[in-house]
Amino acid sequence: MTIKLTNWDSSEYLDTDEAIQDYLDACIEEADGDPAFIVHALGVIARAKNMSQLSRDTGISREGLYKAFSQSGNPTFATVAKVASALGLTLTLKTTSAE
């Protein structure tokens, strides 16, 4: 008996704002402070939302976006902020409270 395996692509299931928020929340929790993990999640969301439209909205080439959010990519904070804004996301920083 042969088992057929396929690659999983989370972007195919991010079809609502609620699904995107749940995915982003889960990734941030799972990242444990790893910025590369969070950047990867942002790239998945970008693919789900339409990379061509995102390119037009940010002024960054489609190829540049794919490269920046690839596994070996290392986007600048400016790129991350621009993409997040174009996706309708806000970046928030909070102080940690001393306990």
PDB file of N, CA and C in Angstrom:
ATOM      1  N   MET A   1       0.839  -1.180   0.000  1.00  0.00           N
ATOM      2  CA  MET A   1       0.000   0.000   0.000  1.00  0.00           C
ATOM      3  C   MET A   1       0.888   1.250   0.000  1.00  0.00           C
ATOM      4  N   THR A   2       0.664   2.126  -0.936  1.00  0.00           N
ATOM      5  CA  THR A   2       1.441   3.348  -1.071  1.00  0.00           C
ATOM      6  C   THR A   2       0.648   4.511  -0.495  1.00  0.00           C
ATOM      7  N   ILE A   3       1.339   5.309   0.296  1.00  0.00           N
ATOM      8  CA  ILE A   3       0.720   6.503   0.877  1.00  0.00           C
ATOM      9  C   ILE A   3       1.195   7.707   0.068  1.00  0.00           C
ATOM     10  N   LYS A   4       0.247   8.488  -0.392  1.00  0.00           N
ATOM     11  CA  LYS A   4       0.589   9.681  -1.153  1.00  0.00           C
ATOM     12  C   LYS A   4       0.619  10.881  -0.199  1.00  0.00           C
ATOM     13  N   LEU A   5       1.733  11.590  -0.197  1.00  0.00           N
ATOM     14  CA  LEU A   5       1.902  12.760   0.644  1.00  0.00           C
ATOM     15  C   LEU A   5       1.912  14.016  -0.218  1.00  0.00           C
ATOM     16  N   THR A   6       1.391  15.075   0.321  1.00  0.00           N
ATOM     17  CA  THR A   6       1.438  16.365  -0.368  1.00  0.00           C
ATOM     18  C   THR A   6       2.007  17.405   0.589  1.00  0.00           C
ATOM     19  N   ASN A   7       2.550  18.459   0.032  1.00  0.00           N
ATOM     20  CA  ASN A   7       3.069  19.548   0.855  1.00  0.00           C
ATOM     21  C   ASN A   7       1.920  20.347   1.438  1.00  0.00           C
ATOM     22  N   TRP A   8       2.072  20.782   2.673  1.00  0.00           N
ATOM     23  CA  TRP A   8       1.075  21.603   3.351  1.00  0.00           C
ATOM     24  C   TRP A   8       1.408  23.063   3.103  1.00  0.00           C
ATOM     25  N   ASP A   9       0.432  23.839   2.688  1.00  0.00           N
ATOM     26  CA  ASP A   9       0.628  25.272   2.500  1.00  0.00           C
ATOM     27  C   ASP A   9      -0.448  26.004   3.293  1.00  0.00           C
ATOM     28  N   SER A  10      -0.051  26.553   4.414  1.00  0.00           N
ATOM     29  CA  SER A  10      -0.998  27.245   5.301  1.00  0.00           C
ATOM     30  C   SER A  10      -1.729  28.374   4.611  1.00  0.00           C
ATOM     31  N   SER A  11      -1.090  29.003   3.621  1.00  0.00           N
ATOM     32  CA  SER A  11      -1.712  30.155   2.964  1.00  0.00           C
ATOM     33  C   SER A  11      -3.029  29.785   2.273  1.00  0.00           C
ATOM     34  N   GLU A  12      -3.180  28.538   1.898  1.00  0.00           N
ATOM     35  CA  GLU A  12      -4.408  28.106   1.229  1.00  0.00           C
ATOM     36  C   GLU A  12      -5.627  28.122   2.159  1.00  0.00           C
ATOM     37  N   TYR A  13      -5.388  28.196   3.468  1.00  0.00           N
ATOM     38  CA  TYR A  13      -6.474  28.146   4.444  1.00  0.00           C
ATOM     39  C   TYR A  13      -6.713  29.486   5.130  1.00  0.00           C
ATOM     40  N   LEU A  14      -5.971  30.496   4.733  1.00  0.00           N
ATOM     41  CA  LEU A  14      -6.129  31.818   5.329  1.00  0.00           C
ATOM     42  C   LEU A  14      -7.029  32.663   4.444  1.00  0.00           C
ATOM     43  N   ASP A  15      -8.306  32.347   4.463  1.00  0.00           N
ATOM     44  CA  ASP A  15      -9.252  32.994   3.546  1.00  0.00           C
ATOM     45  C   ASP A  15     -10.183  34.002   4.210  1.00  0.00           C
ATOM     46  N   THR A  16     -10.019  34.208   5.511  1.00  0.00           N
ATOM     47  CA  THR A  16     -10.807  35.228   6.211  1.00  0.00           C
ATOM     48  C   THR A  16      -9.889  36.016   7.133  1.00  0.00           C
ATOM     49  N   ASP A  17     -10.318  37.215   7.507  1.00  0.00           N
ATOM     50  CA  ASP A  17      -9.525  38.013   8.444  1.00  0.00           C
ATOM     51  C   ASP A  17      -9.389  37.295   9.787  1.00  0.00           C
ATOM     52  N   GLU A  18     -10.429  36.592  10.195  1.00  0.00           N
ATOM     53  CA  GLU A  18     -10.384  35.842  11.458  1.00  0.00           C
ATOM     54  C   GLU A  18      -9.347  34.717  11.383  1.00  0.00           C
ATOM     55  N   ALA A  19      -9.320  34.003  10.272  1.00  0.00           N
ATOM     56  CA  ALA A  19      -8.335  32.927  10.105  1.00  0.00           C
ATOM     57  C   ALA A  19      -6.918  33.488  10.115  1.00  0.00           C
ATOM     58  N   ILE A  20      -6.720  34.617   9.468  1.00  0.00           N
ATOM     59  CA  ILE A  20      -5.397  35.253   9.444  1.00  0.00           C
ATOM     60  C   ILE A  20      -4.997  35.670  10.846  1.00  0.00           C
ATOM     61  N   GLN A  21      -5.912  36.275  11.594  1.00  0.00           N
ATOM     62  CA  GLN A  21      -5.591  36.704  12.963  1.00  0.00           C
ATOM     63  C   GLN A  21      -5.271  35.511  13.854  1.00  0.00           C
ATOM     64  N   ASP A  22      -6.060  34.449  13.750  1.00  0.00           N
ATOM     65  CA  ASP A  22      -5.802  33.244  14.541  1.00  0.00           C
ATOM     66  C   ASP A  22      -4.440  32.643  14.201  1.00  0.00           C
ATOM     67  N   TYR A  23      -4.118  32.596  12.908  1.00  0.00           N
ATOM     68  CA  TYR A  23      -2.835  32.071  12.464  1.00  0.00           C
ATOM     69  C   TYR A  23      -1.686  32.928  13.005  1.00  0.00           C
ATOM     70  N   LEU A  24      -1.819  34.229  12.884  1.00  0.00           N
ATOM     71  CA  LEU A  24      -0.783  35.142  13.355  1.00  0.00           C
ATOM     72  C   LEU A  24      -0.602  35.024  14.870  1.00  0.00           C
ATOM     73  N   ASP A  25      -1.692  34.967  15.610  1.00  0.00           N
ATOM     74  CA  ASP A  25      -1.614  34.811  17.066  1.00  0.00           C
ATOM     75  C   ASP A  25      -0.895  33.513  17.439  1.00  0.00           C
ATOM     76  N   ALA A  26      -1.250  32.434  16.756  1.00  0.00           N
ATOM     77  CA  ALA A  26      -0.623  31.136  17.038  1.00  0.00           C
ATOM     78  C   ALA A  26       0.867  31.175  16.716  1.00  0.00           C
ATOM     79  N   CYS A  27       1.232  31.802  15.612  1.00  0.00           N
ATOM     80  CA  CYS A  27       2.641  31.889  15.227  1.00  0.00           C
ATOM     81  C   CYS A  27       3.446  32.733  16.213  1.00  0.00           C
ATOM     82  N   ILE A  28       2.885  33.830  16.657  1.00  0.00           N
ATOM     83  CA  ILE A  28       3.579  34.677  17.620  1.00  0.00           C
ATOM     84  C   ILE A  28       3.790  33.924  18.930  1.00  0.00           C
ATOM     85  N   GLU A  29       2.786  33.200  19.354  1.00  0.00           N
ATOM     86  CA  GLU A  29       2.899  32.407  20.576  1.00  0.00           C
ATOM     87  C   GLU A  29       3.946  31.302  20.411  1.00  0.00           C
ATOM     88  N   GLU A  30       3.922  30.639  19.286  1.00  0.00           N
ATOM     89  CA  GLU A  30       4.835  29.530  19.010  1.00  0.00           C
ATOM     90  C   GLU A  30       6.271  30.014  18.769  1.00  0.00           C
ATOM     91  N   ALA A  31       6.439  31.234  18.274  1.00  0.00           N
ATOM     92  CA  ALA A  31       7.755  31.762  17.903  1.00  0.00           C
ATOM     93  C   ALA A  31       8.704  31.882  19.092  1.00  0.00           C
ATOM     94  N   ASP A  32       8.166  32.107  20.261  1.00  0.00           N
ATOM     95  CA  ASP A  32       8.985  32.244  21.465  1.00  0.00           C
ATOM     96  C   ASP A  32      10.101  33.280  21.263  1.00  0.00           C
ATOM     97  N   GLY A  33       9.728  34.401  20.641  1.00  0.00           N
ATOM     98  CA  GLY A  33      10.671  35.494  20.447  1.00  0.00           C
ATOM     99  C   GLY A  33      11.557  35.379  19.215  1.00  0.00           C
ATOM    100  N   ASP A  34      11.370  34.356  18.391  1.00  0.00           N
ATOM    101  CA  ASP A  34      12.184  34.179  17.186  1.00  0.00           C
ATOM    102  C   ASP A  34      11.624  35.044  16.066  1.00  0.00           C
ATOM    103  N   PRO A  35      12.306  36.140  15.709  1.00  0.00           N
ATOM    104  CA  PRO A  35      11.773  37.031  14.678  1.00  0.00           C
ATOM    105  C   PRO A  35      11.651  36.362  13.311  1.00  0.00           C
ATOM    106  N   ALA A  36      12.523  35.411  12.996  1.00  0.00           N
ATOM    107  CA  ALA A  36      12.456  34.729  11.696  1.00  0.00           C
ATOM    108  C   ALA A  36      11.149  33.952  11.560  1.00  0.00           C
ATOM    109  N   PHE A  37      10.676  33.386  12.649  1.00  0.00           N
ATOM    110  CA  PHE A  37       9.418  32.639  12.630  1.00  0.00           C
ATOM    111  C   PHE A  37       8.252  33.578  12.339  1.00  0.00           C
ATOM    112  N   ILE A  38       8.284  34.742  12.953  1.00  0.00           N
ATOM    113  CA  ILE A  38       7.209  35.720  12.751  1.00  0.00           C
ATOM    114  C   ILE A  38       7.258  36.284  11.332  1.00  0.00           C
ATOM    115  N   VAL A  39       8.453  36.534  10.815  1.00  0.00           N
ATOM    116  CA  VAL A  39       8.602  37.005   9.437  1.00  0.00           C
ATOM    117  C   VAL A  39       8.084  35.948   8.470  1.00  0.00           C
ATOM    118  N   HIS A  40       8.371  34.684   8.744  1.00  0.00           N
ATOM    119  CA  HIS A  40       7.853  33.596   7.903  1.00  0.00           C
ATOM    120  C   HIS A  40       6.320  33.625   7.901  1.00  0.00           C
ATOM    121  N   ALA A  41       5.726  33.793   9.066  1.00  0.00           N
ATOM    122  CA  ALA A  41       4.263  33.850   9.165  1.00  0.00           C
ATOM    123  C   ALA A  41       3.710  35.011   8.344  1.00  0.00           C
ATOM    124  N   LEU A  42       4.386  36.146   8.380  1.00  0.00           N
ATOM    125  CA  LEU A  42       3.961  37.301   7.591  1.00  0.00           C
ATOM    126  C   LEU A  42       4.038  36.988   6.102  1.00  0.00           C
ATOM    127  N   GLY A  43       5.053  36.250   5.692  1.00  0.00           N
ATOM    128  CA  GLY A  43       5.175  35.833   4.290  1.00  0.00           C
ATOM    129  C   GLY A  43       4.051  34.899   3.868  1.00  0.00           C
ATOM    130  N   VAL A  44       3.650  34.004   4.762  1.00  0.00           N
ATOM    131  CA  VAL A  44       2.530  33.100   4.471  1.00  0.00           C
ATOM    132  C   VAL A  44       1.249  33.908   4.292  1.00  0.00           C
ATOM    133  N   ILE A  45       1.045  34.870   5.163  1.00  0.00           N
ATOM    134  CA  ILE A  45      -0.138  35.727   5.065  1.00  0.00           C
ATOM    135  C   ILE A  45      -0.094  36.532   3.766  1.00  0.00           C
ATOM    136  N   ALA A  46       1.077  37.015   3.409  1.00  0.00           N
ATOM    137  CA  ALA A  46       1.230  37.776   2.158  1.00  0.00           C
ATOM    138  C   ALA A  46       0.837  36.917   0.961  1.00  0.00           C
ATOM    139  N   ARG A  47       1.275  35.657   0.938  1.00  0.00           N
ATOM    140  CA  ARG A  47       0.903  34.760  -0.167  1.00  0.00           C
ATOM    141  C   ARG A  47      -0.604  34.527  -0.188  1.00  0.00           C
ATOM    142  N   ALA A  48      -1.207  34.437   0.977  1.00  0.00           N
ATOM    143  CA  ALA A  48      -2.655  34.202   1.058  1.00  0.00           C
ATOM    144  C   ALA A  48      -3.443  35.391   0.526  1.00  0.00           C
ATOM    145  N   LYS A  49      -2.905  36.586   0.719  1.00  0.00           N
ATOM    146  CA  LYS A  49      -3.633  37.801   0.346  1.00  0.00           C
ATOM    147  C   LYS A  49      -3.427  38.228  -1.105  1.00  0.00           C
ATOM    148  N   ASN A  50      -2.454  37.675  -1.807  1.00  0.00           N
ATOM    149  CA  ASN A  50      -2.170  37.996  -3.206  1.00  0.00           C
ATOM    150  C   ASN A  50      -0.901  38.831  -3.298  1.00  0.00           C
ATOM    151  N   MET A  51       0.161  38.168  -3.612  1.00  0.00           N
ATOM    152  CA  MET A  51       1.476  38.793  -3.662  1.00  0.00           C
ATOM    153  C   MET A  51       1.557  39.891  -4.729  1.00  0.00           C
ATOM    154  N   SER A  52       0.853  39.731  -5.843  1.00  0.00           N
ATOM    155  CA  SER A  52       0.882  40.756  -6.895  1.00  0.00           C
ATOM    156  C   SER A  52       0.258  42.059  -6.405  1.00  0.00           C
ATOM    157  N   GLN A  53      -0.883  41.956  -5.731  1.00  0.00           N
ATOM    158  CA  GLN A  53      -1.527  43.155  -5.193  1.00  0.00           C
ATOM    159  C   GLN A  53      -0.667  43.784  -4.111  1.00  0.00           C
ATOM    160  N   LEU A  54      -0.063  42.957  -3.295  1.00  0.00           N
ATOM    161  CA  LEU A  54       0.819  43.455  -2.243  1.00  0.00           C
ATOM    162  C   LEU A  54       2.008  44.209  -2.850  1.00  0.00           C
ATOM    163  N   SER A  55       2.512  43.712  -3.951  1.00  0.00           N
ATOM    164  CA  SER A  55       3.604  44.381  -4.651  1.00  0.00           C
ATOM    165  C   SER A  55       3.176  45.771  -5.096  1.00  0.00           C
ATOM    166  N   ARG A  56       1.996  45.874  -5.655  1.00  0.00           N
ATOM    167  CA  ARG A  56       1.486  47.186  -6.092  1.00  0.00           C
ATOM    168  C   ARG A  56       1.278  48.115  -4.897  1.00  0.00           C
ATOM    169  N   ASP A  57       0.765  47.574  -3.799  1.00  0.00           N
ATOM    170  CA  ASP A  57       0.467  48.388  -2.617  1.00  0.00           C
ATOM    171  C   ASP A  57       1.726  48.880  -1.905  1.00  0.00           C
ATOM    172  N   THR A  58       2.798  48.091  -1.958  1.00  0.00           N
ATOM    173  CA  THR A  58       4.015  48.452  -1.231  1.00  0.00           C
ATOM    174  C   THR A  58       5.075  49.113  -2.105  1.00  0.00           C
ATOM    175  N   GLY A  59       4.979  48.932  -3.419  1.00  0.00           N
ATOM    176  CA  GLY A  59       6.011  49.438  -4.304  1.00  0.00           C
ATOM    177  C   GLY A  59       7.252  48.556  -4.319  1.00  0.00           C
ATOM    178  N   ILE A  60       7.149  47.367  -3.770  1.00  0.00           N
ATOM    179  CA  ILE A  60       8.242  46.397  -3.759  1.00  0.00           C
ATOM    180  C   ILE A  60       7.913  45.353  -4.813  1.00  0.00           C
ATOM    181  N   SER A  61       8.890  44.989  -5.631  1.00  0.00           N
ATOM    182  CA  SER A  61       8.610  44.009  -6.683  1.00  0.00           C
ATOM    183  C   SER A  61       8.126  42.690  -6.086  1.00  0.00           C
ATOM    184  N   ARG A  62       7.330  41.990  -6.866  1.00  0.00           N
ATOM    185  CA  ARG A  62       6.826  40.678  -6.434  1.00  0.00           C
ATOM    186  C   ARG A  62       7.985  39.743  -6.128  1.00  0.00           C
ATOM    187  N   GLU A  63       8.982  39.751  -6.993  1.00  0.00           N
ATOM    188  CA  GLU A  63      10.158  38.905  -6.792  1.00  0.00           C
ATOM    189  C   GLU A  63      10.885  39.296  -5.509  1.00  0.00           C
ATOM    190  N   GLY A  64      10.962  40.600  -5.261  1.00  0.00           N
ATOM    191  CA  GLY A  64      11.601  41.100  -4.043  1.00  0.00           C
ATOM    192  C   GLY A  64      10.870  40.650  -2.792  1.00  0.00           C
ATOM    193  N   LEU A  65       9.540  40.642  -2.866  1.00  0.00           N
ATOM    194  CA  LEU A  65       8.749  40.175  -1.730  1.00  0.00           C
ATOM    195  C   LEU A  65       8.967  38.687  -1.488  1.00  0.00           C
ATOM    196  N   TYR A  66       8.927  37.908  -2.553  1.00  0.00           N
ATOM    197  CA  TYR A  66       9.164  36.468  -2.405  1.00  0.00           C
ATOM    198  C   TYR A  66      10.544  36.215  -1.809  1.00  0.00           C
ATOM    199  N   LYS A  67      11.545  36.953  -2.275  1.00  0.00           N
ATOM    200  CA  LYS A  67      12.906  36.771  -1.780  1.00  0.00           C
ATOM    201  C   LYS A  67      13.000  37.177  -0.308  1.00  0.00           C
ATOM    202  N   ALA A  68      12.420  38.322   0.031  1.00  0.00           N
ATOM    203  CA  ALA A  68      12.491  38.819   1.405  1.00  0.00           C
ATOM    204  C   ALA A  68      11.838  37.864   2.399  1.00  0.00           C
ATOM    205  N   PHE A  69      10.751  37.230   1.981  1.00  0.00           N
ATOM    206  CA  PHE A  69      10.016  36.362   2.897  1.00  0.00           C
ATOM    207  C   PHE A  69      10.265  34.876   2.655  1.00  0.00           C
ATOM    208  N   SER A  70      11.321  34.585   1.889  1.00  0.00           N
ATOM    209  CA  SER A  70      11.699  33.188   1.677  1.00  0.00           C
ATOM    210  C   SER A  70      12.396  32.668   2.931  1.00  0.00           C
ATOM    211  N   GLN A  71      12.671  31.377   2.937  1.00  0.00           N
ATOM    212  CA  GLN A  71      13.322  30.762   4.086  1.00  0.00           C
ATOM    213  C   GLN A  71      14.693  31.385   4.356  1.00  0.00           C
ATOM    214  N   SER A  72      15.385  31.786   3.299  1.00  0.00           N
ATOM    215  CA  SER A  72      16.707  32.397   3.472  1.00  0.00           C
ATOM    216  C   SER A  72      16.650  33.919   3.469  1.00  0.00           C
ATOM    217  N   GLY A  73      15.456  34.479   3.355  1.00  0.00           N
ATOM    218  CA  GLY A  73      15.303  35.931   3.311  1.00  0.00           C
ATOM    219  C   GLY A  73      15.566  36.568   4.660  1.00  0.00           C
ATOM    220  N   ASN A  74      15.892  37.831   4.617  1.00  0.00           N
ATOM    221  CA  ASN A  74      16.144  38.599   5.831  1.00  0.00           C
ATOM    222  C   ASN A  74      15.669  40.029   5.590  1.00  0.00           C
ATOM    223  N   PRO A  75      14.339  40.239   5.587  1.00  0.00           N
ATOM    224  CA  PRO A  75      13.825  41.576   5.252  1.00  0.00           C
ATOM    225  C   PRO A  75      14.181  42.603   6.320  1.00  0.00           C
ATOM    226  N   THR A  76      14.330  43.831   5.880  1.00  0.00           N
ATOM    227  CA  THR A  76      14.565  44.920   6.824  1.00  0.00           C
ATOM    228  C   THR A  76      13.284  45.178   7.604  1.00  0.00           C
ATOM    229  N   PHE A  77      13.438  45.881   8.718  1.00  0.00           N
ATOM    230  CA  PHE A  77      12.263  46.237   9.503  1.00  0.00           C
ATOM    231  C   PHE A  77      11.332  47.125   8.689  1.00  0.00           C
ATOM    232  N   ALA A  78      11.909  47.986   7.860  1.00  0.00           N
ATOM    233  CA  ALA A  78      11.094  48.870   7.015  1.00  0.00           C
ATOM    234  C   ALA A  78      10.223  48.048   6.066  1.00  0.00           C
ATOM    235  N   THR A  79      10.779  46.988   5.502  1.00  0.00           N
ATOM    236  CA  THR A  79      10.003  46.119   4.614  1.00  0.00           C
ATOM    237  C   THR A  79       8.906  45.414   5.385  1.00  0.00           C
ATOM    238  N   VAL A  80       9.233  44.889   6.551  1.00  0.00           N
ATOM    239  CA  VAL A  80       8.236  44.204   7.380  1.00  0.00           C
ATOM    240  C   VAL A  80       7.109  45.169   7.735  1.00  0.00           C
ATOM    241  N   ALA A  81       7.451  46.375   8.147  1.00  0.00           N
ATOM    242  CA  ALA A  81       6.436  47.359   8.522  1.00  0.00           C
ATOM    243  C   ALA A  81       5.567  47.752   7.332  1.00  0.00           C
ATOM    244  N   LYS A  82       6.184  47.939   6.166  1.00  0.00           N
ATOM    245  CA  LYS A  82       5.440  48.320   4.964  1.00  0.00           C
ATOM    246  C   LYS A  82       4.479  47.209   4.547  1.00  0.00           C
ATOM    247  N   VAL A  83       4.950  45.974   4.582  1.00  0.00           N
ATOM    248  CA  VAL A  83       4.114  44.827   4.210  1.00  0.00           C
ATOM    249  C   VAL A  83       2.978  44.651   5.218  1.00  0.00           C
ATOM    250  N   ALA A  84       3.296  44.743   6.498  1.00  0.00           N
ATOM    251  CA  ALA A  84       2.263  44.609   7.527  1.00  0.00           C
ATOM    252  C   ALA A  84       1.170  45.655   7.324  1.00  0.00           C
ATOM    253  N   SER A  85       1.566  46.880   7.078  1.00  0.00           N
ATOM    254  CA  SER A  85       0.600  47.949   6.857  1.00  0.00           C
ATOM    255  C   SER A  85      -0.268  47.671   5.625  1.00  0.00           C
ATOM    256  N   ALA A  86       0.357  47.240   4.535  1.00  0.00           N
ATOM    257  CA  ALA A  86      -0.388  46.942   3.310  1.00  0.00           C
ATOM    258  C   ALA A  86      -1.353  45.769   3.502  1.00  0.00           C
ATOM    259  N   LEU A  87      -1.034  44.876   4.437  1.00  0.00           N
ATOM    260  CA  LEU A  87      -1.910  43.738   4.728  1.00  0.00           C
ATOM    261  C   LEU A  87      -3.007  44.099   5.725  1.00  0.00           C
ATOM    262  N   GLY A  88      -2.988  45.340   6.207  1.00  0.00           N
ATOM    263  CA  GLY A  88      -4.001  45.763   7.174  1.00  0.00           C
ATOM    264  C   GLY A  88      -3.653  45.350   8.592  1.00  0.00           C
ATOM    265  N   LEU A  89      -2.363  45.101   8.843  1.00  0.00           N
ATOM    266  CA  LEU A  89      -1.909  44.707  10.175  1.00  0.00           C
ATOM    267  C   LEU A  89      -1.174  45.875  10.810  1.00  0.00           C
ATOM    268  N   THR A  90      -1.206  45.937  12.123  1.00  0.00           N
ATOM    269  CA  THR A  90      -0.435  46.960  12.839  1.00  0.00           C
ATOM    270  C   THR A  90       0.595  46.268  13.717  1.00  0.00           C
ATOM    271  N   LEU A  91       1.755  46.883  13.814  1.00  0.00           N
ATOM    272  CA  LEU A  91       2.801  46.382  14.695  1.00  0.00           C
ATOM    273  C   LEU A  91       2.688  47.137  16.006  1.00  0.00           C
ATOM    274  N   THR A  92       2.688  46.416  17.112  1.00  0.00           N
ATOM    275  CA  THR A  92       2.533  47.031  18.422  1.00  0.00           C
ATOM    276  C   THR A  92       3.644  46.555  19.334  1.00  0.00           C
ATOM    277  N   LEU A  93       4.268  47.482  20.009  1.00  0.00           N
ATOM    278  CA  LEU A  93       5.282  47.155  20.994  1.00  0.00           C
ATOM    279  C   LEU A  93       4.768  47.595  22.356  1.00  0.00           C
ATOM    280  N   LYS A  94       4.969  46.752  23.357  1.00  0.00           N
ATOM    281  CA  LYS A  94       4.513  47.057  24.707  1.00  0.00           C
ATOM    282  C   LYS A  94       5.657  46.821  25.671  1.00  0.00           C
ATOM    283  N   THR A  95       5.662  47.563  26.751  1.00  0.00           N
ATOM    284  CA  THR A  95       6.658  47.321  27.778  1.00  0.00           C
ATOM    285  C   THR A  95       6.271  46.060  28.536  1.00  0.00           C
ATOM    286  N   THR A  96       7.277  45.358  29.011  1.00  0.00           N
ATOM    287  CA  THR A  96       6.995  44.197  29.851  1.00  0.00           C
ATOM    288  C   THR A  96       6.892  44.675  31.277  1.00  0.00           C
ATOM    289  N   SER A  97       5.945  44.161  31.975  1.00  0.00           N
ATOM    290  CA  SER A  97       5.750  44.596  33.357  1.00  0.00           C
ATOM    291  C   SER A  97       6.584  43.729  34.288  1.00  0.00           C
ATOM    292  N   ALA A  98       7.209  44.368  35.249  1.00  0.00           N
ATOM    293  CA  ALA A  98       7.997  43.642  36.245  1.00  0.00           C
ATOM    294  C   ALA A  98       7.049  42.969  37.220  1.00  0.00           C
ATOM    295  N   GLU A  99       7.334  41.720  37.496  1.00  0.00           N
ATOM    296  CA  GLU A  99       6.461  40.989  38.448  1.00  0.00           C
ATOM    297  C   GLU A  99       7.187  40.724  39.723  1.00  0.00           C
TER     298      GLU A  99
END
